[in-house]
């Protein structure tokens, strides 16, 4: 199969992709550029598939779902232009969704938390902190190279003074991260608050999920160390609702969440300006529906991220961080075809005309 168009393309995985016109051939599941001229029928714009680095295939607002439902979640994800997801913690085997649809799925295993310090029934609870390194090493052995822990959550034991508090002693956390790395895996950490961030930096975690409490000094250190942050902006948009739900029972926690909500735009701009490695993630499967990455893209743009920066983060930057190459010479034929120019409207990424994985069409928009 040969086609022409404008592609976000790199000759090698070490190069930064650039927009290039030409003709491409897909054969044997790989893609190659055969000419820098358009000598075949044009398909419009060719871009790497998008990535959702924080989602929960197999989970919804009501809890774990059936196999047929998780397959539909995967199909909705593909239709939105996402071809690669990192499952950031579900309490069931969601691999059938990938097998049924072709969606690339990186599994983290379950969330790991302490008792009564996260959403009910979702995490694996660890009573004794000292067991955390062994628990995570075991989790790493049955995942796809990632584990996920809860770094902070409201500690209700303080009554009206309750607030977001770290779950793990810094020394325990450091030992646990070492155990994960020795097992050949990486670790993502849920973190809302400011007070937990220093311990995550010092422990050497790989990815901070949400990161809404990161300050400018911490952002600079995170950028220097190459720690990724998945900002999940649609989730941060809900912080005011979380504060309202806390009501008068937990006023300190409510004030913390409201404060982060009120500075959310400036905070995201600070992360961008600090040069933090930002990954695209929706947190779909709980408060967000699957297949709604368009809403996340829109907030990145509304909150100040440049168009090309957003396109890159949603595609090859997040792909390469998770071990996929993007669109490169001789690489996997995983791509989206777009009728609209994403350089003008990056939301075009979420409106593909065709989704291709391994050279095979896994989703195509109908005229209806």
Protein backbone atom coordinates (compact mmCIF):
# COMPACT_ATOMS: atom_id res chain seq x y z
CA UNK A 1 0.00 0.00 0.00
CA UNK A 2 1.37 3.42 -0.99
CA UNK A 3 -0.02 6.85 -0.19
CA UNK A 4 1.08 10.46 -0.15
CA UNK A 5 0.56 13.28 2.29
CA UNK A 6 2.11 15.45 5.00
CA UNK A 7 3.50 13.36 7.87
CA UNK A 8 5.02 14.01 11.28
CA UNK A 9 8.07 11.92 10.45
CA UNK A 10 11.58 11.05 11.63
CA UNK A 11 14.24 9.02 9.86
CA UNK A 12 15.41 7.48 13.15
CA UNK A 13 14.14 7.14 16.71
CA UNK A 14 16.86 9.50 17.92
CA UNK A 15 15.67 12.36 15.71
CA UNK A 16 12.99 14.87 16.53
CA UNK A 17 10.11 14.35 14.07
CA UNK A 18 9.40 17.08 11.53
CA UNK A 19 6.54 17.71 9.14
CA UNK A 20 7.51 16.20 5.78
CA UNK A 21 5.72 15.74 2.48
CA UNK A 22 6.24 12.60 0.48
CA UNK A 23 5.04 9.15 -0.39
CA UNK A 24 5.00 6.27 2.06
CA UNK A 25 4.71 2.51 1.64
CA UNK A 26 3.27 0.12 4.22
CA UNK A 27 4.42 -3.46 3.83
CA UNK A 28 4.75 -6.27 6.35
CA UNK A 29 3.48 -4.10 9.17
CA UNK A 30 6.17 -1.43 8.80
CA UNK A 31 6.23 1.98 7.14
CA UNK A 32 8.90 3.48 4.88
CA UNK A 33 9.27 6.71 2.97
CA UNK A 34 9.76 5.92 -0.70
CA UNK A 35 9.85 9.44 -2.10
CA UNK A 36 10.00 13.04 -0.95
CA UNK A 37 7.47 13.80 -3.69
CA UNK A 38 3.77 12.96 -3.70
CA UNK A 39 3.53 10.20 -6.29
CA UNK A 40 0.53 8.30 -4.90
CA UNK A 41 -3.03 9.28 -3.95
CA UNK A 42 -3.07 11.76 -1.09
CA UNK A 43 -4.55 10.74 2.26
CA UNK A 44 -4.16 14.16 3.86
CA UNK A 45 -2.18 14.22 7.11
CA UNK A 46 -0.32 11.27 8.65
CA UNK A 47 0.55 11.38 12.35
CA UNK A 48 1.61 8.91 15.01
CA UNK A 49 -1.25 7.55 17.06
CA UNK A 50 -1.97 9.42 20.26
CA UNK A 51 -1.11 8.10 23.70
CA UNK A 52 -3.16 8.05 26.88
CA UNK A 53 -0.52 7.49 29.56
CA UNK A 54 -3.04 7.52 32.41
CA UNK A 55 -6.22 5.56 31.90
CA UNK A 56 -8.09 2.65 33.43
CA UNK A 57 -9.36 0.27 30.75
CA UNK A 58 -11.71 -2.11 32.55
CA UNK A 59 -12.91 0.44 35.09
CA UNK A 60 -15.70 3.01 35.17
CA UNK A 61 -17.38 5.36 37.63
CA UNK A 62 -19.33 2.40 39.00
CA UNK A 63 -16.32 0.08 39.40
CA UNK A 64 -14.89 -2.83 37.44
CA UNK A 65 -16.70 -3.69 34.21
CA UNK A 66 -17.39 -6.85 32.22
CA UNK A 67 -15.13 -8.07 29.44
CA UNK A 68 -17.57 -6.87 26.78
CA UNK A 69 -17.68 -3.42 28.37
CA UNK A 70 -13.90 -3.13 28.53
CA UNK A 71 -13.71 -4.04 24.85
CA UNK A 72 -16.12 -1.19 24.10
CA UNK A 73 -13.93 1.13 26.19
CA UNK A 74 -10.94 0.13 24.07
CA UNK A 75 -12.88 0.72 20.85
CA UNK A 76 -13.93 4.17 22.02
CA UNK A 77 -10.30 4.89 22.82
CA UNK A 78 -9.16 3.89 19.33
CA UNK A 79 -11.93 5.96 17.71
CA UNK A 80 -10.62 9.02 19.58
CA UNK A 81 -7.21 8.66 17.92
CA UNK A 82 -5.44 6.92 20.81
CA UNK A 83 -3.50 3.81 19.78
CA UNK A 84 -1.39 3.29 22.91
CA UNK A 85 -2.52 3.39 26.53
CA UNK A 86 -0.82 2.82 29.84
CA UNK A 87 -3.31 1.35 32.25
CA UNK A 88 -2.54 3.09 35.54
CA UNK A 89 -4.07 0.56 37.87
CA UNK A 90 -7.19 -1.61 37.69
CA UNK A 91 -8.16 -4.58 39.88
CA UNK A 92 -8.71 -7.03 37.01
CA UNK A 93 -7.04 -8.44 33.91
CA UNK A 94 -7.84 -6.07 31.06
CA UNK A 95 -5.66 -7.75 28.43
CA UNK A 96 -8.75 -9.14 26.60
CA UNK A 97 -9.58 -5.58 25.54
CA UNK A 98 -6.26 -5.29 23.75
CA UNK A 99 -6.53 -8.70 22.12
CA UNK A 100 -10.02 -7.95 20.82
CA UNK A 101 -9.28 -4.51 19.38
CA UNK A 102 -5.55 -4.26 18.66
CA UNK A 103 -5.12 -1.34 21.08
CA UNK A 104 -1.58 -1.24 22.44
CA UNK A 105 -1.95 -1.71 26.21
CA UNK A 106 0.79 -1.33 28.83
CA UNK A 107 -0.45 -2.76 32.12
CA UNK A 108 0.59 -1.38 35.51
CA UNK A 109 -1.21 -3.84 37.74
CA UNK A 110 -3.29 -2.56 40.66
CA UNK A 111 -2.87 0.66 42.57
CA UNK A 112 -0.96 0.08 45.81
CA UNK A 113 -2.04 2.11 48.85
CA UNK A 114 -2.46 1.93 52.60
CA UNK A 115 -5.77 0.95 54.24
CA UNK A 116 -8.49 3.60 53.95
CA UNK A 117 -6.16 5.91 52.02
CA UNK A 118 -7.62 5.66 48.54
CA UNK A 119 -10.84 4.89 46.69
CA UNK A 120 -12.67 1.87 48.04
CA UNK A 121 -12.03 -1.53 46.36
CA UNK A 122 -9.59 -0.11 43.80
CA UNK A 123 -6.14 -0.55 45.41
CA UNK A 124 -4.19 -3.37 46.92
CA UNK A 125 -3.78 -2.22 50.54
CA UNK A 126 -0.49 -2.62 52.40
CA UNK A 127 -0.87 -2.68 56.18
CA UNK A 128 2.84 -2.73 57.03
CA UNK A 129 4.87 -0.10 55.17
CA UNK A 130 7.94 -2.30 55.39
CA UNK A 131 6.31 -4.72 52.97
CA UNK A 132 6.02 -2.12 50.19
CA UNK A 133 9.31 -2.99 48.39
CA UNK A 134 8.41 -6.69 48.18
CA UNK A 135 4.83 -5.94 47.14
CA UNK A 136 5.96 -3.69 44.30
CA UNK A 137 8.67 -6.09 43.14
CA UNK A 138 6.02 -8.80 42.95
CA UNK A 139 3.66 -6.46 41.11
CA UNK A 140 6.42 -5.63 38.62
CA UNK A 141 6.82 -9.30 37.76
CA UNK A 142 3.24 -9.59 36.49
CA UNK A 143 2.83 -6.17 34.84
CA UNK A 144 4.18 -4.74 31.60
CA UNK A 145 7.11 -2.99 33.23
CA UNK A 146 5.17 -0.48 35.34
CA UNK A 147 3.75 -0.32 38.85
CA UNK A 148 1.47 2.33 40.35
CA UNK A 149 1.27 3.55 43.94
CA UNK A 150 -0.80 6.17 45.70
CA UNK A 151 1.57 8.84 46.99
CA UNK A 152 -0.88 11.00 48.90
CA UNK A 153 -4.55 11.06 49.89
CA UNK A 154 -6.70 12.65 52.55
CA UNK A 155 -5.94 11.31 56.05
CA UNK A 156 -9.33 11.52 57.75
CA UNK A 157 -7.96 10.58 61.16
CA UNK A 158 -7.31 14.25 61.94
CA UNK A 159 -10.99 15.13 61.81
CA UNK A 160 -11.63 18.74 60.77
CA UNK A 161 -7.88 19.26 60.34
CA UNK A 162 -7.59 16.41 57.84
CA UNK A 163 -5.68 17.20 54.67
CA UNK A 164 -3.79 15.52 51.85
CA UNK A 165 -0.90 13.64 53.45
CA UNK A 166 1.82 11.30 52.13
CA UNK A 167 1.15 7.59 52.56
CA UNK A 168 4.75 6.40 52.82
CA UNK A 169 7.78 7.29 54.92
CA UNK A 170 10.53 8.67 52.64
CA UNK A 171 12.95 5.87 53.53
CA UNK A 172 10.36 3.20 52.73
CA UNK A 173 9.51 4.94 49.48
CA UNK A 174 13.16 5.07 48.42
CA UNK A 175 13.62 1.36 49.16
CA UNK A 176 10.46 0.57 47.21
CA UNK A 177 11.57 2.55 44.15
CA UNK A 178 14.92 0.77 44.24
CA UNK A 179 13.12 -2.58 44.38
CA UNK A 180 11.01 -1.64 41.36
CA UNK A 181 14.04 -0.54 39.36
CA UNK A 182 15.98 -3.67 40.32
CA UNK A 183 13.04 -5.67 38.98
CA UNK A 184 13.47 -3.88 35.64
CA UNK A 185 10.28 -1.84 35.97
CA UNK A 186 9.29 1.80 36.40
CA UNK A 187 6.99 3.43 38.91
CA UNK A 188 4.17 5.95 38.51
CA UNK A 189 2.84 7.75 41.58
CA UNK A 190 -0.49 9.45 42.22
CA UNK A 191 0.31 12.83 43.80
CA UNK A 192 -1.97 15.81 44.33
CA UNK A 193 -0.30 17.75 47.15
CA UNK A 194 2.82 19.83 47.46
CA UNK A 195 4.09 18.10 50.59
CA UNK A 196 4.59 14.72 48.93
CA UNK A 197 6.65 15.90 45.95
CA UNK A 198 10.09 16.21 47.59
CA UNK A 199 9.98 12.59 48.72
CA UNK A 200 9.08 11.45 45.20
CA UNK A 201 11.95 13.41 43.69
CA UNK A 202 14.47 12.07 46.18
CA UNK A 203 13.23 8.50 45.79
CA UNK A 204 13.71 8.73 42.02
CA UNK A 205 10.23 7.86 40.81
CA UNK A 206 9.71 7.79 37.07
CA UNK A 207 6.35 9.50 36.57
CA UNK A 208 4.30 11.79 38.82
CA UNK A 209 0.60 11.52 38.06
CA UNK A 210 -1.37 14.80 38.37
CA UNK A 211 1.46 16.73 40.06
CA UNK A 212 -0.87 19.58 40.98
CA UNK A 213 1.18 20.55 44.04
CA UNK A 214 4.55 20.90 42.32
CA UNK A 215 6.15 24.32 42.90
CA UNK A 216 8.64 26.10 40.64
CA UNK A 217 11.76 24.86 42.46
CA UNK A 218 10.48 21.30 42.40
CA UNK A 219 9.59 21.63 38.72
CA UNK A 220 13.14 22.70 37.93
CA UNK A 221 14.53 19.68 39.78
CA UNK A 222 12.03 17.34 38.14
CA UNK A 223 13.06 18.66 34.71
CA UNK A 224 16.76 18.23 35.55
CA UNK A 225 16.25 14.64 36.65
CA UNK A 226 14.07 13.73 33.67
CA UNK A 227 11.09 12.70 35.78
CA UNK A 228 7.89 12.74 33.76
CA UNK A 229 4.67 14.41 34.89
CA UNK A 230 1.22 13.46 33.60
CA UNK A 231 -0.86 16.54 34.48
CA UNK A 232 -4.40 15.16 33.77
CA UNK A 233 -5.91 18.63 33.41
CA UNK A 234 -9.51 17.45 33.20
CA UNK A 235 -9.07 15.80 36.57
CA UNK A 236 -7.68 19.02 38.05
CA UNK A 237 -10.79 20.77 36.70
CA UNK A 238 -12.76 18.70 39.20
CA UNK A 239 -10.86 19.92 42.27
CA UNK A 240 -13.48 22.53 43.04
CA UNK A 241 -16.12 19.79 43.08
CA UNK A 242 -13.96 17.70 45.42
CA UNK A 243 -13.64 20.71 47.72
CA UNK A 244 -17.39 21.24 47.73
CA UNK A 245 -18.00 17.57 48.53
CA UNK A 246 -15.67 17.84 51.54
CA UNK A 247 -17.92 20.61 52.81
CA UNK A 248 -17.64 21.67 56.43
CA UNK A 249 -16.48 18.23 57.59
CA UNK A 250 -12.95 18.60 56.17
CA UNK A 251 -12.38 22.35 55.71
CA UNK A 252 -8.56 22.16 55.55
CA UNK A 253 -8.64 19.56 52.80
CA UNK A 254 -11.31 21.57 50.99
CA UNK A 255 -9.13 24.69 51.11
CA UNK A 256 -6.15 22.74 49.73
CA UNK A 257 -8.14 21.41 46.79
CA UNK A 258 -9.76 24.79 46.12
CA UNK A 259 -6.39 26.54 46.15
CA UNK A 260 -4.95 24.17 43.54
CA UNK A 261 -8.07 24.61 41.43
CA UNK A 262 -7.79 28.40 41.50
CA UNK A 263 -4.16 28.37 40.31
CA UNK A 264 -4.50 25.48 37.86
CA UNK A 265 -3.81 27.41 34.68
CA UNK A 266 -0.79 29.28 36.01
CA UNK A 267 0.51 26.02 37.45
CA UNK A 268 0.33 24.22 34.11
CA UNK A 269 2.03 27.12 32.34
CA UNK A 270 4.80 26.93 34.95
CA UNK A 271 5.36 23.23 34.22
CA UNK A 272 5.57 23.94 30.50
CA UNK A 273 7.97 26.85 30.98
CA UNK A 274 10.14 24.81 33.37
CA UNK A 275 10.81 22.23 30.66
CA UNK A 276 9.22 19.35 32.54
CA UNK A 277 8.66 16.22 30.44
CA UNK A 278 4.86 16.32 30.20
CA UNK A 279 2.87 13.29 29.08
CA UNK A 280 -0.70 13.19 27.78
CA UNK A 281 -3.19 11.37 30.01
CA UNK A 282 -6.92 11.55 30.63
CA UNK A 283 -7.48 9.56 33.85
CA UNK A 284 -10.39 7.96 32.03
CA UNK A 285 -12.24 5.18 33.78
CA UNK A 286 -13.31 7.01 36.91
CA UNK A 287 -14.49 10.58 36.66
CA UNK A 288 -13.65 10.76 32.92
CA UNK A 289 -15.18 8.64 30.18
CA UNK A 290 -13.01 6.55 27.89
CA UNK A 291 -12.41 7.98 24.44
CA UNK A 292 -12.48 11.62 25.57
CA UNK A 293 -8.90 12.71 24.97
CA UNK A 294 -10.25 15.66 22.95
CA UNK A 295 -11.17 17.33 26.22
CA UNK A 296 -7.63 16.94 27.55
CA UNK A 297 -6.14 18.31 24.34
CA UNK A 298 -8.47 21.30 24.50
CA UNK A 299 -7.38 22.19 28.04
CA UNK A 300 -3.68 21.96 27.17
CA UNK A 301 -4.30 24.51 24.43
CA UNK A 302 -6.60 26.72 26.51
CA UNK A 303 -4.13 26.78 29.40
CA UNK A 304 -1.23 27.99 27.27
CA UNK A 305 0.57 25.04 25.70
CA UNK A 306 1.71 25.82 22.11
CA UNK A 307 0.00 23.85 19.36
CA UNK A 308 3.06 21.86 18.25
CA UNK A 309 4.06 21.21 21.85
CA UNK A 310 0.62 19.70 22.46
CA UNK A 311 0.75 17.61 19.28
CA UNK A 312 4.19 16.29 20.21
CA UNK A 313 3.20 15.45 23.78
CA UNK A 314 0.09 13.64 22.60
CA UNK A 315 1.96 11.55 20.03
CA UNK A 316 5.66 10.80 19.71
CA UNK A 317 6.90 12.26 23.01
CA UNK A 318 4.59 10.06 25.07
CA UNK A 319 5.14 7.14 22.68
CA UNK A 320 8.90 7.23 23.03
CA UNK A 321 8.70 7.57 26.79
CA UNK A 322 6.73 4.32 26.86
CA UNK A 323 9.07 2.53 24.46
CA UNK A 324 7.35 3.08 21.12
CA UNK A 325 9.13 4.94 18.29
CA UNK A 326 6.44 7.09 16.69
CA UNK A 327 6.49 7.35 12.90
CA UNK A 328 10.02 6.44 11.79
CA UNK A 329 11.69 4.81 8.82
CA UNK A 330 11.19 1.05 9.07
CA UNK A 331 9.11 1.40 12.23
CA UNK A 332 5.68 -0.04 13.03
CA UNK A 333 2.92 1.17 10.71
CA UNK A 334 0.93 2.67 13.59
CA UNK A 335 -0.61 5.97 12.57
CA UNK A 336 -3.68 8.15 12.16
CA UNK A 337 -4.95 9.61 8.92
CA UNK A 338 -6.50 13.06 9.28
CA UNK A 339 -8.53 15.12 6.84
CA UNK A 340 -7.81 18.34 8.76
CA UNK A 341 -4.48 20.05 9.38
CA UNK A 342 -3.53 19.50 13.06
CA UNK A 343 -1.03 22.36 12.90
CA UNK A 344 -4.01 24.69 12.56
CA UNK A 345 -6.30 22.77 14.90
CA UNK A 346 -4.57 20.16 17.10
CA UNK A 347 -8.01 18.83 18.07
CA UNK A 348 -8.02 17.29 14.59
CA UNK A 349 -5.93 14.53 16.18
CA UNK A 350 -9.06 13.35 17.96
CA UNK A 351 -11.05 13.22 14.70
CA UNK A 352 -9.13 10.68 12.60
CA UNK A 353 -10.54 9.36 9.36
CA UNK A 354 -8.65 6.11 9.86
CA UNK A 355 -6.65 4.42 12.62
CA UNK A 356 -3.97 1.96 11.52
CA UNK A 357 -1.98 -0.45 13.70
CA UNK A 358 0.67 -2.73 12.27
CA UNK A 359 -0.48 -1.77 8.80
CA UNK A 360 -4.06 -2.91 9.42
CA UNK A 361 -7.05 -0.59 9.75
CA UNK A 362 -8.53 -1.02 13.22
CA UNK A 363 -11.01 1.84 13.01
CA UNK A 364 -12.39 3.94 10.15
CA UNK A 365 -14.84 6.81 10.21
CA UNK A 366 -17.98 6.21 8.18
CA UNK A 367 -19.60 8.90 6.06
CA UNK A 368 -22.62 8.81 8.34
